[in-house]
Structure formats: C-alpha cells, structure tokens
C-alpha cells in the first residue's frame, strides 16, 4: 500500500527547495525589493500607493494559484506557492 503524503512531507520538500533557491538566486529580501520596485515602475501611473516587497511575493503566490486553477494540481504549485507565502510573511514582519 502506498504511503499517504502528509502536509509535513510537502513542507519539508518546500524547505529544501527554498534553501536551494536561496543558494541559486540569492537573498529573498533583495529579490523582492527589486521586484516591488519594478512593479511600481510598470504601474506607476495606476497605483495610489507603492507595492511593498511582501506584496510582490504575494503576487508571485497568486500566479501559482492561477496556474493551479487553470491547469490543475501539480505539486510544484503547492510547494512554490507555500514558499512565496513564507517569504511574504517574513518580509511583512520586517517591513517598516
């Protein structure tokens, strides 16, 4: 009988991927500060307030949710989506 996947299994995989991505792509704080700045540049004539780095990470998570909605479940969507939420949470708690 195949062992059932648990939330802990997926969270451990997410943690491993988060660590790997950090080594490959650098510091998440710097990445999302830059991403927020780019969003603000693109949407500057439409925004009333600037997008924060934590909001930029949440936008990335929404992209994963949209993929799940339109293309069905793939483990990658839940793992990356969760990691974007974790990053957004850490950024939010450290903002201002």
Protein backbone atom coordinates (compact mmCIF):
# COMPACT_ATOMS: atom_id res chain seq x y z
CA UNK A 1 0.00 0.00 0.00
CA UNK A 2 1.32 3.41 -0.97
CA UNK A 3 2.11 5.72 1.95
CA UNK A 4 -0.12 8.79 2.11
CA UNK A 5 1.56 12.15 1.57
CA UNK A 6 1.25 14.46 4.56
CA UNK A 7 1.41 18.22 4.89
CA UNK A 8 4.69 17.73 6.76
CA UNK A 9 6.11 15.84 3.77
CA UNK A 10 5.28 18.71 1.44
CA UNK A 11 6.55 21.34 3.90
CA UNK A 12 9.89 19.51 4.22
CA UNK A 13 10.21 19.42 0.44
CA UNK A 14 9.32 23.13 0.32
CA UNK A 15 12.00 23.92 2.89
CA UNK A 16 14.62 22.05 0.87
CA UNK A 17 13.63 23.88 -2.31
CA UNK A 18 13.63 27.25 -0.51
CA UNK A 19 17.19 26.58 0.63
CA UNK A 20 18.30 25.53 -2.88
CA UNK A 21 16.69 28.57 -4.49
CA UNK A 22 18.33 30.87 -1.97
CA UNK A 23 21.71 29.49 -2.99
CA UNK A 24 20.88 29.78 -6.69
CA UNK A 25 19.08 33.14 -6.78
CA UNK A 26 20.38 35.00 -3.74
CA UNK A 27 18.74 36.79 -0.86
CA UNK A 28 14.92 36.88 -0.99
CA UNK A 29 14.85 40.31 0.65
CA UNK A 30 16.90 41.85 -2.14
CA UNK A 31 14.99 39.94 -4.81
CA UNK A 32 11.57 41.14 -3.65
CA UNK A 33 12.74 44.70 -3.00
CA UNK A 34 13.86 44.76 -6.65
CA UNK A 35 10.68 43.05 -7.86
CA UNK A 36 8.47 45.51 -5.95
CA UNK A 37 10.44 48.40 -7.45
CA UNK A 38 9.88 47.00 -10.95
CA UNK A 39 6.15 46.53 -10.34
CA UNK A 40 5.99 50.13 -9.15
CA UNK A 41 7.77 51.33 -12.29
CA UNK A 42 5.40 49.44 -14.58
CA UNK A 43 2.25 50.53 -12.74
CA UNK A 44 3.30 53.97 -11.51
CA UNK A 45 0.51 55.78 -13.36
CA UNK A 46 -2.14 53.41 -11.99
CA UNK A 47 -1.13 52.91 -8.36
CA UNK A 48 -2.20 55.11 -5.47
CA UNK A 49 0.45 53.61 -3.19
CA UNK A 50 3.68 51.77 -3.78
CA UNK A 51 3.77 47.97 -3.81
CA UNK A 52 5.82 46.60 -0.91
CA UNK A 53 8.25 43.67 -1.21
CA UNK A 54 5.89 41.46 0.82
CA UNK A 55 3.10 42.28 -1.64
CA UNK A 56 5.37 41.43 -4.56
CA UNK A 57 5.94 37.97 -3.04
CA UNK A 58 2.18 37.58 -2.62
CA UNK A 59 1.72 38.45 -6.30
CA UNK A 60 4.07 35.58 -7.15
CA UNK A 61 1.95 33.29 -4.96
CA UNK A 62 -1.17 34.40 -6.82
CA UNK A 63 0.49 33.32 -10.07
CA UNK A 64 0.93 29.83 -8.63
CA UNK A 65 -2.72 29.82 -7.54
CA UNK A 66 -3.80 30.87 -11.02
CA UNK A 67 -1.80 28.01 -12.55
CA UNK A 68 -3.46 25.57 -10.16
CA UNK A 69 -6.90 26.99 -11.04
CA UNK A 70 -6.41 26.74 -14.80
CA UNK A 71 -4.09 23.77 -15.23
CA UNK A 72 -4.99 21.60 -12.28
CA UNK A 73 -2.89 20.47 -9.37
CA UNK A 74 0.83 19.99 -9.66
CA UNK A 75 2.93 19.54 -6.56
CA UNK A 76 5.14 22.41 -7.70
CA UNK A 77 2.19 24.81 -7.36
CA UNK A 78 1.63 23.98 -3.70
CA UNK A 79 5.33 23.94 -2.82
CA UNK A 80 6.27 27.17 -4.57
CA UNK A 81 3.01 28.85 -3.55
CA UNK A 82 3.68 27.99 0.08
CA UNK A 83 7.24 29.25 -0.15
CA UNK A 84 6.04 32.55 -1.63
CA UNK A 85 3.68 32.91 1.34
CA UNK A 86 6.53 32.16 3.77
CA UNK A 87 8.71 34.77 2.07
CA UNK A 88 5.84 37.29 2.08
CA UNK A 89 5.24 36.67 5.78
CA UNK A 90 8.90 37.21 6.69
CA UNK A 91 9.12 40.34 4.54
CA UNK A 92 5.89 41.74 6.00
CA UNK A 93 7.03 41.20 9.57
CA UNK A 94 10.29 43.04 8.81
CA UNK A 95 8.80 45.96 6.85
CA UNK A 96 8.61 49.39 8.47
